[in-house]
Amino acid sequence: MEKQYDVLFRLLLIRDSGVGKTCLLCHFTDNEFHSSHISKIGVDFKMKTREVDGIKVRVQIWDTAGQERYQTITKQYYRWAQGIFSVYDISSEPSYQHIMKWVSAVDEYAPEDP
């Protein structure tokens, strides 16, 4: 079976539960918006392939659970990511205040040179 892409990027969405990581992912990959919130258990992912300057680029975006009890699992995905997006809810000051906690986790668990 022939590969359907030339380049693969693995990206990771991290942050608190309920900030909109899954909504952002669904909008980007499927052009859909889901107004309901269902807490995730562990990690889910979606892919999207686009052609850029004649090169087929596949983006694999991992959506992590934000609850404290799943952080041990989701931190394992940091080492495989080539990019990590920290998402927060602009209407929730606590989600903004937790930015440094998440950045510290990335510094601790993500390699400098994947």
PDB file of N, CA and C in Angstrom:
ATOM      1  N   MET A   1       0.841  -1.180   0.000  1.00  0.00           N
ATOM      2  CA  MET A   1       0.000   0.000   0.000  1.00  0.00           C
ATOM      3  C   MET A   1       0.885   1.242   0.000  1.00  0.00           C
ATOM      4  N   GLU A   2       0.608   2.161  -0.907  1.00  0.00           N
ATOM      5  CA  GLU A   2       1.405   3.375  -1.042  1.00  0.00           C
ATOM      6  C   GLU A   2       1.081   4.368   0.069  1.00  0.00           C
ATOM      7  N   LYS A   3       2.119   5.009   0.583  1.00  0.00           N
ATOM      8  CA  LYS A   3       1.936   6.025   1.612  1.00  0.00           C
ATOM      9  C   LYS A   3       1.147   7.200   1.028  1.00  0.00           C
ATOM     10  N   GLN A   4       0.215   7.724   1.788  1.00  0.00           N
ATOM     11  CA  GLN A   4      -0.654   8.794   1.312  1.00  0.00           C
ATOM     12  C   GLN A   4      -0.127  10.182   1.659  1.00  0.00           C
ATOM     13  N   TYR A   5       1.104  10.267   2.134  1.00  0.00           N
ATOM     14  CA  TYR A   5       1.687  11.552   2.511  1.00  0.00           C
ATOM     15  C   TYR A   5       3.203  11.473   2.382  1.00  0.00           C
ATOM     16  N   ASP A   6       3.832  12.641   2.285  1.00  0.00           N
ATOM     17  CA  ASP A   6       5.291  12.728   2.189  1.00  0.00           C
ATOM     18  C   ASP A   6       5.921  13.065   3.542  1.00  0.00           C
ATOM     19  N   VAL A   7       5.223  13.873   4.322  1.00  0.00           N
ATOM     20  CA  VAL A   7       5.743  14.338   5.610  1.00  0.00           C
ATOM     21  C   VAL A   7       4.662  14.162   6.669  1.00  0.00           C
ATOM     22  N   LEU A   8       5.064  13.716   7.855  1.00  0.00           N
ATOM     23  CA  LEU A   8       4.129  13.555   8.970  1.00  0.00           C
ATOM     24  C   LEU A   8       4.576  14.425  10.139  1.00  0.00           C
ATOM     25  N   PHE A   9       3.648  15.218  10.667  1.00  0.00           N
ATOM     26  CA  PHE A   9       3.894  16.011  11.870  1.00  0.00           C
ATOM     27  C   PHE A   9       2.965  15.515  12.964  1.00  0.00           C
ATOM     28  N   ARG A  10       3.528  15.231  14.143  1.00  0.00           N
ATOM     29  CA  ARG A  10       2.721  14.840  15.304  1.00  0.00           C
ATOM     30  C   ARG A  10       2.638  16.041  16.241  1.00  0.00           C
ATOM     31  N   LEU A  11       1.406  16.500  16.452  1.00  0.00           N
ATOM     32  CA  LEU A  11       1.172  17.657  17.312  1.00  0.00           C
ATOM     33  C   LEU A  11       0.326  17.223  18.506  1.00  0.00           C
ATOM     34  N   LEU A  12       0.450  17.934  19.590  1.00  0.00           N
ATOM     35  CA  LEU A  12      -0.225  17.573  20.830  1.00  0.00           C
ATOM     36  C   LEU A  12      -0.970  18.790  21.371  1.00  0.00           C
ATOM     37  N   LEU A  13      -2.228  18.583  21.784  1.00  0.00           N
ATOM     38  CA  LEU A  13      -3.013  19.625  22.449  1.00  0.00           C
ATOM     39  C   LEU A  13      -3.048  19.286  23.936  1.00  0.00           C
ATOM     40  N   ILE A  14      -2.612  20.220  24.766  1.00  0.00           N
ATOM     41  CA  ILE A  14      -2.618  19.991  26.222  1.00  0.00           C
ATOM     42  C   ILE A  14      -3.323  21.137  26.920  1.00  0.00           C
ATOM     43  N   ARG A  15      -3.805  20.908  28.094  1.00  0.00           N
ATOM     44  CA  ARG A  15      -4.339  21.910  29.012  1.00  0.00           C
ATOM     45  C   ARG A  15      -5.387  21.313  29.919  1.00  0.00           C
ATOM     46  N   ASP A  16      -6.039  22.210  30.653  1.00  0.00           N
ATOM     47  CA  ASP A  16      -7.075  21.820  31.596  1.00  0.00           C
ATOM     48  C   ASP A  16      -8.269  21.198  30.861  1.00  0.00           C
ATOM     49  N   SER A  17      -9.050  20.447  31.598  1.00  0.00           N
ATOM     50  CA  SER A  17     -10.274  19.859  31.061  1.00  0.00           C
ATOM     51  C   SER A  17     -11.297  20.962  30.780  1.00  0.00           C
ATOM     52  N   GLY A  18     -11.984  20.841  29.652  1.00  0.00           N
ATOM     53  CA  GLY A  18     -13.080  21.747  29.353  1.00  0.00           C
ATOM     54  C   GLY A  18     -12.703  23.069  28.708  1.00  0.00           C
ATOM     55  N   VAL A  19     -11.456  23.227  28.273  1.00  0.00           N
ATOM     56  CA  VAL A  19     -11.058  24.510  27.676  1.00  0.00           C
ATOM     57  C   VAL A  19     -11.342  24.592  26.183  1.00  0.00           C
ATOM     58  N   GLY A  20     -11.674  23.466  25.539  1.00  0.00           N
ATOM     59  CA  GLY A  20     -12.022  23.491  24.129  1.00  0.00           C
ATOM     60  C   GLY A  20     -11.040  22.808  23.199  1.00  0.00           C
ATOM     61  N   LYS A  21     -10.180  21.952  23.746  1.00  0.00           N
ATOM     62  CA  LYS A  21      -9.197  21.256  22.901  1.00  0.00           C
ATOM     63  C   LYS A  21      -9.877  20.407  21.836  1.00  0.00           C
ATOM     64  N   THR A  22     -10.875  19.639  22.223  1.00  0.00           N
ATOM     65  CA  THR A  22     -11.576  18.764  21.291  1.00  0.00           C
ATOM     66  C   THR A  22     -12.358  19.573  20.264  1.00  0.00           C
ATOM     67  N   CYS A  23     -12.983  20.663  20.680  1.00  0.00           N
ATOM     68  CA  CYS A  23     -13.709  21.529  19.740  1.00  0.00           C
ATOM     69  C   CYS A  23     -12.756  22.111  18.707  1.00  0.00           C
ATOM     70  N   LEU A  24     -11.602  22.552  19.150  1.00  0.00           N
ATOM     71  CA  LEU A  24     -10.591  23.095  18.247  1.00  0.00           C
ATOM     72  C   LEU A  24     -10.143  22.034  17.244  1.00  0.00           C
ATOM     73  N   LEU A  25      -9.898  20.825  17.733  1.00  0.00           N
ATOM     74  CA  LEU A  25      -9.472  19.719  16.883  1.00  0.00           C
ATOM     75  C   LEU A  25     -10.541  19.360  15.846  1.00  0.00           C
ATOM     76  N   CYS A  26     -11.781  19.218  16.272  1.00  0.00           N
ATOM     77  CA  CYS A  26     -12.873  18.864  15.349  1.00  0.00           C
ATOM     78  C   CYS A  26     -13.102  19.956  14.310  1.00  0.00           C
ATOM     79  N   HIS A  27     -12.964  21.189  14.717  1.00  0.00           N
ATOM     80  CA  HIS A  27     -13.137  22.278  13.755  1.00  0.00           C
ATOM     81  C   HIS A  27     -12.037  22.243  12.702  1.00  0.00           C
ATOM     82  N   PHE A  28     -10.802  22.016  13.117  1.00  0.00           N
ATOM     83  CA  PHE A  28      -9.683  21.978  12.175  1.00  0.00           C
ATOM     84  C   PHE A  28      -9.758  20.771  11.241  1.00  0.00           C
ATOM     85  N   THR A  29     -10.014  19.595  11.775  1.00  0.00           N
ATOM     86  CA  THR A  29      -9.962  18.382  10.950  1.00  0.00           C
ATOM     87  C   THR A  29     -11.248  18.104  10.182  1.00  0.00           C
ATOM     88  N   ASP A  30     -12.406  18.371  10.779  1.00  0.00           N
ATOM     89  CA  ASP A  30     -13.686  17.994  10.173  1.00  0.00           C
ATOM     90  C   ASP A  30     -14.578  19.182   9.818  1.00  0.00           C
ATOM     91  N   ASN A  31     -14.122  20.394  10.141  1.00  0.00           N
ATOM     92  CA  ASN A  31     -14.906  21.612   9.939  1.00  0.00           C
ATOM     93  C   ASN A  31     -16.263  21.502  10.637  1.00  0.00           C
ATOM     94  N   GLU A  32     -16.253  20.933  11.846  1.00  0.00           N
ATOM     95  CA  GLU A  32     -17.464  20.767  12.653  1.00  0.00           C
ATOM     96  C   GLU A  32     -17.275  21.458  13.997  1.00  0.00           C
ATOM     97  N   PHE A  33     -18.383  21.809  14.621  1.00  0.00           N
ATOM     98  CA  PHE A  33     -18.345  22.371  15.970  1.00  0.00           C
ATOM     99  C   PHE A  33     -19.338  21.616  16.826  1.00  0.00           C
ATOM    100  N   HIS A  34     -18.886  21.138  17.971  1.00  0.00           N
ATOM    101  CA  HIS A  34     -19.742  20.422  18.911  1.00  0.00           C
ATOM    102  C   HIS A  34     -19.863  21.264  20.177  1.00  0.00           C
ATOM    103  N   SER A  35     -21.058  21.710  20.487  1.00  0.00           N
ATOM    104  CA  SER A  35     -21.241  22.582  21.647  1.00  0.00           C
ATOM    105  C   SER A  35     -21.264  21.817  22.966  1.00  0.00           C
ATOM    106  N   SER A  36     -21.489  20.507  22.919  1.00  0.00           N
ATOM    107  CA  SER A  36     -21.517  19.738  24.165  1.00  0.00           C
ATOM    108  C   SER A  36     -20.098  19.343  24.572  1.00  0.00           C
ATOM    109  N   HIS A  37     -19.900  19.148  25.856  1.00  0.00           N
ATOM    110  CA  HIS A  37     -18.585  18.788  26.386  1.00  0.00           C
ATOM    111  C   HIS A  37     -18.658  17.401  27.016  1.00  0.00           C
ATOM    112  N   ILE A  38     -17.816  16.508  26.530  1.00  0.00           N
ATOM    113  CA  ILE A  38     -17.705  15.170  27.112  1.00  0.00           C
ATOM    114  C   ILE A  38     -16.250  14.993  27.515  1.00  0.00           C
ATOM    115  N   SER A  39     -16.009  14.702  28.778  1.00  0.00           N
ATOM    116  CA  SER A  39     -14.632  14.528  29.238  1.00  0.00           C
ATOM    117  C   SER A  39     -14.003  13.305  28.591  1.00  0.00           C
ATOM    118  N   LYS A  40     -12.777  13.461  28.219  1.00  0.00           N
ATOM    119  CA  LYS A  40     -12.028  12.406  27.540  1.00  0.00           C
ATOM    120  C   LYS A  40     -11.315  11.543  28.576  1.00  0.00           C
ATOM    121  N   ILE A  41     -11.145  10.284  28.236  1.00  0.00           N
ATOM    122  CA  ILE A  41     -10.360   9.369  29.061  1.00  0.00           C
ATOM    123  C   ILE A  41      -9.077   9.095  28.293  1.00  0.00           C
ATOM    124  N   GLY A  42      -7.960   9.601  28.788  1.00  0.00           N
ATOM    125  CA  GLY A  42      -6.674   9.362  28.140  1.00  0.00           C
ATOM    126  C   GLY A  42      -6.418  10.282  26.973  1.00  0.00           C
ATOM    127  N   VAL A  43      -6.289   9.705  25.757  1.00  0.00           N
ATOM    128  CA  VAL A  43      -5.873  10.458  24.580  1.00  0.00           C
ATOM    129  C   VAL A  43      -6.671  10.005  23.358  1.00  0.00           C
ATOM    130  N   ASP A  44      -6.976  10.940  22.480  1.00  0.00           N
ATOM    131  CA  ASP A  44      -7.620  10.652  21.207  1.00  0.00           C
ATOM    132  C   ASP A  44      -6.826  11.402  20.136  1.00  0.00           C
ATOM    133  N   PHE A  45      -6.982  11.033  18.875  1.00  0.00           N
ATOM    134  CA  PHE A  45      -6.288  11.788  17.831  1.00  0.00           C
ATOM    135  C   PHE A  45      -7.092  11.822  16.547  1.00  0.00           C
ATOM    136  N   LYS A  46      -6.776  12.811  15.721  1.00  0.00           N
ATOM    137  CA  LYS A  46      -7.355  12.947  14.387  1.00  0.00           C
ATOM    138  C   LYS A  46      -6.229  13.347  13.445  1.00  0.00           C
ATOM    139  N   MET A  47      -6.459  13.100  12.141  1.00  0.00           N
ATOM    140  CA  MET A  47      -5.447  13.436  11.146  1.00  0.00           C
ATOM    141  C   MET A  47      -6.067  14.260  10.033  1.00  0.00           C
ATOM    142  N   LYS A  48      -5.217  15.059   9.420  1.00  0.00           N
ATOM    143  CA  LYS A  48      -5.631  15.828   8.260  1.00  0.00           C
ATOM    144  C   LYS A  48      -4.438  15.908   7.324  1.00  0.00           C
ATOM    145  N   THR A  49      -4.688  15.715   6.032  1.00  0.00           N
ATOM    146  CA  THR A  49      -3.626  15.779   5.037  1.00  0.00           C
ATOM    147  C   THR A  49      -3.905  16.941   4.094  1.00  0.00           C
ATOM    148  N   ARG A  50      -2.890  17.744   3.866  1.00  0.00           N
ATOM    149  CA  ARG A  50      -2.968  18.880   2.959  1.00  0.00           C
ATOM    150  C   ARG A  50      -1.754  18.867   2.054  1.00  0.00           C
ATOM    151  N   GLU A  51      -1.922  19.405   0.862  1.00  0.00           N
ATOM    152  CA  GLU A  51      -0.781  19.543  -0.029  1.00  0.00           C
ATOM    153  C   GLU A  51      -0.249  20.967   0.085  1.00  0.00           C
ATOM    154  N   VAL A  52       1.048  21.064   0.327  1.00  0.00           N
ATOM    155  CA  VAL A  52       1.708  22.354   0.467  1.00  0.00           C
ATOM    156  C   VAL A  52       2.903  22.372  -0.479  1.00  0.00           C
ATOM    157  N   ASP A  53       2.861  23.255  -1.471  1.00  0.00           N
ATOM    158  CA  ASP A  53       3.932  23.354  -2.470  1.00  0.00           C
ATOM    159  C   ASP A  53       4.276  21.993  -3.083  1.00  0.00           C
ATOM    160  N   GLY A  54       3.247  21.206  -3.394  1.00  0.00           N
ATOM    161  CA  GLY A  54       3.460  19.913  -4.037  1.00  0.00           C
ATOM    162  C   GLY A  54       3.851  18.780  -3.103  1.00  0.00           C
ATOM    163  N   ILE A  55       3.927  19.046  -1.798  1.00  0.00           N
ATOM    164  CA  ILE A  55       4.294  18.032  -0.808  1.00  0.00           C
ATOM    165  C   ILE A  55       3.054  17.692   0.007  1.00  0.00           C
ATOM    166  N   LYS A  56       2.743  16.395   0.115  1.00  0.00           N
ATOM    167  CA  LYS A  56       1.594  15.957   0.914  1.00  0.00           C
ATOM    168  C   LYS A  56       2.015  15.910   2.379  1.00  0.00           C
ATOM    169  N   VAL A  57       1.403  16.777   3.171  1.00  0.00           N
ATOM    170  CA  VAL A  57       1.730  16.903   4.586  1.00  0.00           C
ATOM    171  C   VAL A  57       0.576  16.357   5.405  1.00  0.00           C
ATOM    172  N   ARG A  58       0.861  15.387   6.244  1.00  0.00           N
ATOM    173  CA  ARG A  58      -0.155  14.846   7.151  1.00  0.00           C
ATOM    174  C   ARG A  58       0.136  15.361   8.555  1.00  0.00           C
ATOM    175  N   VAL A  59      -0.905  15.905   9.156  1.00  0.00           N
ATOM    176  CA  VAL A  59      -0.815  16.392  10.529  1.00  0.00           C
ATOM    177  C   VAL A  59      -1.614  15.436  11.395  1.00  0.00           C
ATOM    178  N   GLN A  60      -0.956  14.859  12.369  1.00  0.00           N
ATOM    179  CA  GLN A  60      -1.594  13.944  13.321  1.00  0.00           C
ATOM    180  C   GLN A  60      -1.667  14.716  14.634  1.00  0.00           C
ATOM    181  N   ILE A  61      -2.882  15.039  15.071  1.00  0.00           N
ATOM    182  CA  ILE A  61      -3.058  15.879  16.265  1.00  0.00           C
ATOM    183  C   ILE A  61      -3.637  15.029  17.389  1.00  0.00           C
ATOM    184  N   TRP A  62      -2.893  14.965  18.473  1.00  0.00           N
ATOM    185  CA  TRP A  62      -3.290  14.191  19.649  1.00  0.00           C
ATOM    186  C   TRP A  62      -3.981  15.122  20.633  1.00  0.00           C
ATOM    187  N   ASP A  63      -5.148  14.729  21.072  1.00  0.00           N
ATOM    188  CA  ASP A  63      -5.986  15.492  21.995  1.00  0.00           C
ATOM    189  C   ASP A  63      -5.949  14.781  23.342  1.00  0.00           C
ATOM    190  N   THR A  64      -5.351  15.426  24.335  1.00  0.00           N
ATOM    191  CA  THR A  64      -5.147  14.774  25.630  1.00  0.00           C
ATOM    192  C   THR A  64      -6.241  15.133  26.629  1.00  0.00           C
ATOM    193  N   ALA A  65      -6.491  14.231  27.542  1.00  0.00           N
ATOM    194  CA  ALA A  65      -7.426  14.500  28.641  1.00  0.00           C
ATOM    195  C   ALA A  65      -6.766  15.494  29.589  1.00  0.00           C
ATOM    196  N   GLY A  66      -7.534  16.473  30.031  1.00  0.00           N
ATOM    197  CA  GLY A  66      -6.969  17.507  30.895  1.00  0.00           C
ATOM    198  C   GLY A  66      -7.090  17.227  32.379  1.00  0.00           C
ATOM    199  N   GLN A  67      -7.859  16.205  32.750  1.00  0.00           N
ATOM    200  CA  GLN A  67      -8.049  15.931  34.176  1.00  0.00           C
ATOM    201  C   GLN A  67      -6.736  15.478  34.812  1.00  0.00           C
ATOM    202  N   GLU A  68      -6.540  15.891  36.027  1.00  0.00           N
ATOM    203  CA  GLU A  68      -5.319  15.583  36.786  1.00  0.00           C
ATOM    204  C   GLU A  68      -5.016  14.086  36.806  1.00  0.00           C
ATOM    205  N   ARG A  69      -6.040  13.253  36.947  1.00  0.00           N
ATOM    206  CA  ARG A  69      -5.812  11.811  37.090  1.00  0.00           C
ATOM    207  C   ARG A  69      -5.240  11.160  35.832  1.00  0.00           C
ATOM    208  N   TYR A  70      -5.345  11.810  34.657  1.00  0.00           N
ATOM    209  CA  TYR A  70      -4.823  11.239  33.414  1.00  0.00           C
ATOM    210  C   TYR A  70      -3.467  11.822  33.001  1.00  0.00           C
ATOM    211  N   GLN A  71      -2.957  12.775  33.763  1.00  0.00           N
ATOM    212  CA  GLN A  71      -1.732  13.451  33.347  1.00  0.00           C
ATOM    213  C   GLN A  71      -0.520  12.534  33.305  1.00  0.00           C
ATOM    214  N   THR A  72      -0.492  11.498  34.108  1.00  0.00           N
ATOM    215  CA  THR A  72       0.626  10.550  34.049  1.00  0.00           C
ATOM    216  C   THR A  72       0.653   9.861  32.689  1.00  0.00           C
ATOM    217  N   ILE A  73      -0.517   9.537  32.165  1.00  0.00           N
ATOM    218  CA  ILE A  73      -0.618   8.886  30.855  1.00  0.00           C
ATOM    219  C   ILE A  73      -0.278   9.871  29.741  1.00  0.00           C
ATOM    220  N   THR A  74      -0.897  11.044  29.781  1.00  0.00           N
ATOM    221  CA  THR A  74      -0.739  11.980  28.669  1.00  0.00           C
ATOM    222  C   THR A  74       0.676  12.541  28.572  1.00  0.00           C
ATOM    223  N   LYS A  75       1.381  12.625  29.671  1.00  0.00           N
ATOM    224  CA  LYS A  75       2.765  13.131  29.622  1.00  0.00           C
ATOM    225  C   LYS A  75       3.674  12.220  28.809  1.00  0.00           C
ATOM    226  N   GLN A  76       3.300  10.959  28.661  1.00  0.00           N
ATOM    227  CA  GLN A  76       4.089  10.029  27.853  1.00  0.00           C
ATOM    228  C   GLN A  76       4.069  10.416  26.373  1.00  0.00           C
ATOM    229  N   TYR A  77       3.047  11.133  25.955  1.00  0.00           N
ATOM    230  CA  TYR A  77       2.932  11.539  24.555  1.00  0.00           C
ATOM    231  C   TYR A  77       3.818  12.750  24.230  1.00  0.00           C
ATOM    232  N   TYR A  78       4.292  13.461  25.228  1.00  0.00           N
ATOM    233  CA  TYR A  78       5.116  14.652  24.999  1.00  0.00           C
ATOM    234  C   TYR A  78       6.365  14.317  24.198  1.00  0.00           C
ATOM    235  N   ARG A  79       6.974  13.174  24.470  1.00  0.00           N
ATOM    236  CA  ARG A  79       8.247  12.841  23.833  1.00  0.00           C
ATOM    237  C   ARG A  79       8.108  12.550  22.339  1.00  0.00           C
ATOM    238  N   TRP A  80       6.906  12.182  21.886  1.00  0.00           N
ATOM    239  CA  TRP A  80       6.702  11.852  20.467  1.00  0.00           C
ATOM    240  C   TRP A  80       6.226  13.050  19.655  1.00  0.00           C
ATOM    241  N   ALA A  81       5.860  14.118  20.306  1.00  0.00           N
ATOM    242  CA  ALA A  81       5.293  15.274  19.602  1.00  0.00           C
ATOM    243  C   ALA A  81       6.392  16.146  18.994  1.00  0.00           C
ATOM    244  N   GLN A  82       6.095  16.668  17.822  1.00  0.00           N
ATOM    245  CA  GLN A  82       6.998  17.618  17.188  1.00  0.00           C
ATOM    246  C   GLN A  82       6.531  19.049  17.425  1.00  0.00           C
ATOM    247  N   GLY A  83       5.367  19.179  18.019  1.00  0.00           N
ATOM    248  CA  GLY A  83       4.831  20.474  18.397  1.00  0.00           C
ATOM    249  C   GLY A  83       3.779  20.282  19.466  1.00  0.00           C
ATOM    250  N   ILE A  84       3.733  21.188  20.432  1.00  0.00           N
ATOM    251  CA  ILE A  84       2.765  21.085  21.527  1.00  0.00           C
ATOM    252  C   ILE A  84       2.036  22.419  21.649  1.00  0.00           C
ATOM    253  N   PHE A  85       0.708  22.361  21.573  1.00  0.00           N
ATOM    254  CA  PHE A  85      -0.121  23.549  21.721  1.00  0.00           C
ATOM    255  C   PHE A  85      -0.772  23.534  23.097  1.00  0.00           C
ATOM    256  N   SER A  86      -0.596  24.610  23.819  1.00  0.00           N
ATOM    257  CA  SER A  86      -1.241  24.765  25.110  1.00  0.00           C
ATOM    258  C   SER A  86      -2.497  25.608  24.898  1.00  0.00           C
ATOM    259  N   VAL A  87      -3.660  25.021  25.152  1.00  0.00           N
ATOM    260  CA  VAL A  87      -4.938  25.670  24.874  1.00  0.00           C
ATOM    261  C   VAL A  87      -5.551  26.115  26.200  1.00  0.00           C
ATOM    262  N   TYR A  88      -6.111  27.333  26.208  1.00  0.00           N
ATOM    263  CA  TYR A  88      -6.827  27.762  27.408  1.00  0.00           C
ATOM    264  C   TYR A  88      -8.108  28.471  26.998  1.00  0.00           C
ATOM    265  N   ASP A  89      -9.032  28.585  27.936  1.00  0.00           N
ATOM    266  CA  ASP A  89     -10.336  29.208  27.722  1.00  0.00           C
ATOM    267  C   ASP A  89     -10.232  30.680  28.104  1.00  0.00           C
ATOM    268  N   ILE A  90     -10.459  31.588  27.156  1.00  0.00           N
ATOM    269  CA  ILE A  90     -10.306  33.019  27.452  1.00  0.00           C
ATOM    270  C   ILE A  90     -11.340  33.525  28.452  1.00  0.00           C
ATOM    271  N   SER A  91     -12.402  32.741  28.670  1.00  0.00           N
ATOM    272  CA  SER A  91     -13.411  33.155  29.647  1.00  0.00           C
ATOM    273  C   SER A  91     -13.175  32.529  31.022  1.00  0.00           C
ATOM    274  N   SER A  92     -12.070  31.795  31.168  1.00  0.00           N
ATOM    275  CA  SER A  92     -11.766  31.130  32.439  1.00  0.00           C
ATOM    276  C   SER A  92     -10.390  31.546  32.936  1.00  0.00           C
ATOM    277  N   GLU A  93     -10.368  32.424  33.907  1.00  0.00           N
ATOM    278  CA  GLU A  93      -9.088  32.889  34.444  1.00  0.00           C
ATOM    279  C   GLU A  93      -8.244  31.760  35.023  1.00  0.00           C
ATOM    280  N   PRO A  94      -8.842  30.784  35.739  1.00  0.00           N
ATOM    281  CA  PRO A  94      -8.015  29.677  36.238  1.00  0.00           C
ATOM    282  C   PRO A  94      -7.299  28.911  35.125  1.00  0.00           C
ATOM    283  N   SER A  95      -7.962  28.714  33.963  1.00  0.00           N
ATOM    284  CA  SER A  95      -7.293  27.988  32.882  1.00  0.00           C
ATOM    285  C   SER A  95      -6.102  28.792  32.365  1.00  0.00           C
ATOM    286  N   TYR A  96      -6.202  30.117  32.377  1.00  0.00           N
ATOM    287  CA  TYR A  96      -5.075  30.975  31.979  1.00  0.00           C
ATOM    288  C   TYR A  96      -3.961  30.916  33.028  1.00  0.00           C
ATOM    289  N   GLN A  97      -4.339  30.915  34.292  1.00  0.00           N
ATOM    290  CA  GLN A  97      -3.350  30.897  35.375  1.00  0.00           C
ATOM    291  C   GLN A  97      -2.558  29.587  35.427  1.00  0.00           C
ATOM    292  N   HIS A  98      -3.090  28.519  34.856  1.00  0.00           N
ATOM    293  CA  HIS A  98      -2.407  27.224  34.868  1.00  0.00           C
ATOM    294  C   HIS A  98      -1.380  27.071  33.752  1.00  0.00           C
ATOM    295  N   ILE A  99      -1.197  28.100  32.933  1.00  0.00           N
ATOM    296  CA  ILE A  99      -0.256  28.009  31.806  1.00  0.00           C
ATOM    297  C   ILE A  99       1.128  27.577  32.277  1.00  0.00           C
ATOM    298  N   MET A 100       1.651  28.190  33.309  1.00  0.00           N
ATOM    299  CA  MET A 100       3.011  27.877  33.762  1.00  0.00           C
ATOM    300  C   MET A 100       3.140  26.435  34.238  1.00  0.00           C
ATOM    301  N   LYS A 101       2.093  25.898  34.842  1.00  0.00           N
ATOM    302  CA  LYS A 101       2.112  24.491  35.273  1.00  0.00           C
ATOM    303  C   LYS A 101       2.294  23.579  34.057  1.00  0.00           C
ATOM    304  N   TRP A 102       1.565  23.860  32.987  1.00  0.00           N
ATOM    305  CA  TRP A 102       1.641  23.032  31.782  1.00  0.00           C
ATOM    306  C   TRP A 102       2.974  23.220  31.060  1.00  0.00           C
ATOM    307  N   VAL A 103       3.455  24.442  31.007  1.00  0.00           N
ATOM    308  CA  VAL A 103       4.751  24.696  30.374  1.00  0.00           C
ATOM    309  C   VAL A 103       5.858  23.972  31.139  1.00  0.00           C
ATOM    310  N   SER A 104       5.779  23.951  32.444  1.00  0.00           N
ATOM    311  CA  SER A 104       6.763  23.227  33.265  1.00  0.00           C
ATOM    312  C   SER A 104       6.742  21.732  32.951  1.00  0.00           C
ATOM    313  N   ALA A 105       5.550  21.179  32.769  1.00  0.00           N
ATOM    314  CA  ALA A 105       5.431  19.751  32.431  1.00  0.00           C
ATOM    315  C   ALA A 105       6.055  19.467  31.071  1.00  0.00           C
ATOM    316  N   VAL A 106       5.844  20.355  30.119  1.00  0.00           N
ATOM    317  CA  VAL A 106       6.455  20.182  28.796  1.00  0.00           C
ATOM    318  C   VAL A 106       7.970  20.229  28.934  1.00  0.00           C
ATOM    319  N   ASP A 107       8.486  21.202  29.683  1.00  0.00           N
ATOM    320  CA  ASP A 107       9.937  21.312  29.893  1.00  0.00           C
ATOM    321  C   ASP A 107      10.508  20.043  30.516  1.00  0.00           C
ATOM    322  N   GLU A 108       9.742  19.437  31.411  1.00  0.00           N
ATOM    323  CA  GLU A 108      10.218  18.251  32.119  1.00  0.00           C
ATOM    324  C   GLU A 108      10.150  16.979  31.263  1.00  0.00           C
ATOM    325  N   TYR A 109       9.073  16.805  30.481  1.00  0.00           N
ATOM    326  CA  TYR A 109       8.838  15.524  29.817  1.00  0.00           C
ATOM    327  C   TYR A 109       9.134  15.504  28.321  1.00  0.00           C
ATOM    328  N   ALA A 110       9.150  16.651  27.656  1.00  0.00           N
ATOM    329  CA  ALA A 110       9.412  16.663  26.213  1.00  0.00           C
ATOM    330  C   ALA A 110      10.903  16.812  25.970  1.00  0.00           C
ATOM    331  N   PRO A 111      11.452  15.994  25.100  1.00  0.00           N
ATOM    332  CA  PRO A 111      12.890  16.119  24.795  1.00  0.00           C
ATOM    333  C   PRO A 111      13.160  17.408  24.031  1.00  0.00           C
ATOM    334  N   GLU A 112      14.370  17.949  24.221  1.00  0.00           N
ATOM    335  CA  GLU A 112      14.719  19.178  23.495  1.00  0.00           C
ATOM    336  C   GLU A 112      14.917  18.900  22.029  1.00  0.00           C
ATOM    337  N   ASP A 113      15.411  17.720  21.694  1.00  0.00           N
ATOM    338  CA  ASP A 113      15.673  17.350  20.304  1.00  0.00           C
ATOM    339  C   ASP A 113      15.010  16.013  19.987  1.00  0.00           C
ATOM    340  N   PRO A 114      13.714  16.019  19.572  1.00  0.00           N
ATOM    341  CA  PRO A 114      13.029  14.744  19.336  1.00  0.00           C
ATOM    342  C   PRO A 114      13.619  13.964  18.183  1.00  0.00           C
TER     343      PRO A 114
END
